[in-house]
Structure formats: structure tokens, C-alpha cells
């Protein structure tokens, strides 16, 4: 949130208890939090889309103990190099490194 001063950002987390003290985060970062309604995955579209992409590599029911760290890293690299419509058909890596390189 410090990377984009003055830009209006919001955060839409799931409804987990780890966000019970959300007001502290809102006060600290000045970023509004919106909680989706229960059983409404369409309210967190990018997250749900990313979960779907992950399921291409790790279908539900996959024994994660059988997946090596190297394989997990390969999946992450493939996902982060995949163009996304929500990013103007750029990859998450492109967006991240464009932001980071401007900080150096």
C-alpha cells in the first residue's frame, strides 16, 4: 500500500478470523476493507480465478505431501508468467517487476 500513494485501493479478504481486527489495518493503511457475503465467491473474482488456475496443476484432493518444493516453485513460476486479462494481458511478474524496478 505504500507503493501506490494516493491511489484508491481496496482489500477484499475472505471471512477468516485472521481479519477480526480489520479496523487496525484500515487505520494503519487507510485502505478500506470489504468483506464478501458468505457463499458468494463471485465477490472475490480474481481470487477465485487464481484458485481455478492453481487447480490446473493441483486438482482438489491432491496429496500435497507428494509434491516436491521444486514442483511447487515450477507451478508458481508458470502461474506468474501467465498473462492475465485483469492485468491488461500482462503477467504478474511484469507488473511486479515494473513496480519494484521503479523503487531502485
Protein backbone atom coordinates (compact mmCIF):
# COMPACT_ATOMS: atom_id res chain seq x y z
CA UNK A 1 0.00 0.00 0.00
CA UNK A 2 3.00 2.23 0.41
CA UNK A 3 3.86 1.51 -3.22
CA UNK A 4 0.88 3.41 -4.59
CA UNK A 5 0.42 6.56 -2.52
CA UNK A 6 -2.72 8.45 -3.39
CA UNK A 7 -4.18 5.57 -5.35
CA UNK A 8 -7.54 4.31 -4.20
CA UNK A 9 -7.15 0.66 -3.26
CA UNK A 10 -9.46 -1.74 -1.51
CA UNK A 11 -8.90 -5.14 0.02
CA UNK A 12 -11.50 -7.90 -0.12
CA UNK A 13 -10.31 -10.77 2.10
CA UNK A 14 -12.18 -13.92 2.86
CA UNK A 15 -14.16 -14.10 6.07
CA UNK A 16 -11.44 -15.82 8.12
CA UNK A 17 -10.79 -14.95 11.76
CA UNK A 18 -7.35 -13.59 10.83
CA UNK A 19 -9.13 -10.39 9.81
CA UNK A 20 -11.02 -9.98 13.10
CA UNK A 21 -9.09 -6.78 13.88
CA UNK A 22 -9.52 -5.29 10.44
CA UNK A 23 -10.09 -1.80 11.84
CA UNK A 24 -6.43 -1.68 12.94
CA UNK A 25 -5.34 -2.41 9.36
CA UNK A 26 -7.77 0.13 7.95
CA UNK A 27 -6.45 2.76 10.35
CA UNK A 28 -2.80 1.92 9.63
CA UNK A 29 -3.00 1.80 5.84
CA UNK A 30 -6.04 3.96 5.16
CA UNK A 31 -7.34 1.26 2.86
CA UNK A 32 -10.98 0.19 3.01
CA UNK A 33 -11.72 -3.48 3.57
CA UNK A 34 -14.82 -5.09 2.11
CA UNK A 35 -15.94 -8.49 3.27
CA UNK A 36 -17.82 -10.65 0.79
CA UNK A 37 -21.13 -12.16 1.70
CA UNK A 38 -20.97 -15.81 2.81
CA UNK A 39 -21.11 -18.29 -0.09
CA UNK A 40 -20.59 -15.52 -2.69
CA UNK A 41 -17.31 -16.35 -4.45
CA UNK A 42 -18.11 -14.01 -7.37
CA UNK A 43 -17.46 -11.11 -5.00
CA UNK A 44 -13.77 -12.11 -4.97
CA UNK A 45 -13.36 -12.79 -8.67
CA UNK A 46 -9.58 -12.54 -9.08
CA UNK A 47 -9.01 -14.82 -6.10
CA UNK A 48 -11.47 -17.39 -7.39
CA UNK A 49 -9.91 -17.23 -10.87
CA UNK A 50 -6.44 -17.78 -9.40
CA UNK A 51 -7.74 -20.75 -7.41
CA UNK A 52 -9.05 -22.19 -10.67
CA UNK A 53 -5.66 -21.73 -12.34
CA UNK A 54 -3.98 -23.44 -9.40
CA UNK A 55 -6.37 -26.39 -9.74
CA UNK A 56 -4.97 -26.98 -13.25
CA UNK A 57 -1.75 -28.03 -11.52
CA UNK A 58 -3.12 -29.33 -8.23
CA UNK A 59 -6.61 -30.78 -8.57
CA UNK A 60 -8.73 -30.95 -5.42
CA UNK A 61 -7.78 -33.98 -3.39
CA UNK A 62 -4.12 -33.88 -4.41
CA UNK A 63 -1.84 -35.12 -1.63
CA UNK A 64 0.37 -32.06 -1.16
CA UNK A 65 2.91 -34.16 0.75
CA UNK A 66 3.64 -35.92 -2.54
CA UNK A 67 4.52 -32.66 -4.34
CA UNK A 68 8.15 -31.53 -4.11
CA UNK A 69 9.14 -27.96 -3.28
CA UNK A 70 10.78 -27.77 -6.71
CA UNK A 71 7.49 -28.71 -8.38
CA UNK A 72 5.57 -26.10 -6.33
CA UNK A 73 8.11 -23.46 -7.39
CA UNK A 74 7.66 -24.51 -11.03
CA UNK A 75 3.88 -24.14 -10.73
CA UNK A 76 4.26 -20.70 -9.14
CA UNK A 77 6.63 -19.61 -11.91
CA UNK A 78 4.24 -20.81 -14.60
CA UNK A 79 1.29 -19.04 -12.98
CA UNK A 80 3.25 -15.81 -12.51
CA UNK A 81 4.32 -15.85 -16.17
CA UNK A 82 0.77 -16.35 -17.45
CA UNK A 83 -0.85 -13.24 -18.95
CA UNK A 84 -4.00 -12.12 -17.12
CA UNK A 85 -6.92 -10.21 -18.56
CA UNK A 86 -7.28 -8.23 -15.32
CA UNK A 87 -3.68 -7.01 -15.79
CA UNK A 88 -4.18 -5.85 -19.38
CA UNK A 89 -2.77 -9.16 -20.63
CA UNK A 90 0.49 -8.60 -18.78
CA UNK A 91 1.88 -11.20 -16.43
CA UNK A 92 2.02 -10.84 -12.65
CA UNK A 93 5.84 -10.88 -12.96
CA UNK A 94 5.76 -7.98 -15.44
CA UNK A 95 3.57 -5.90 -13.15
CA UNK A 96 5.59 -6.72 -10.04
CA UNK A 97 8.98 -6.02 -11.58
CA UNK A 98 7.82 -2.79 -13.22
CA UNK A 99 6.78 -1.55 -9.78
CA UNK A 100 9.89 -2.82 -7.98
CA UNK A 101 12.36 -1.51 -10.57
CA UNK A 102 10.96 1.99 -10.12
CA UNK A 103 11.85 1.80 -6.43
CA UNK A 104 15.54 1.12 -7.04
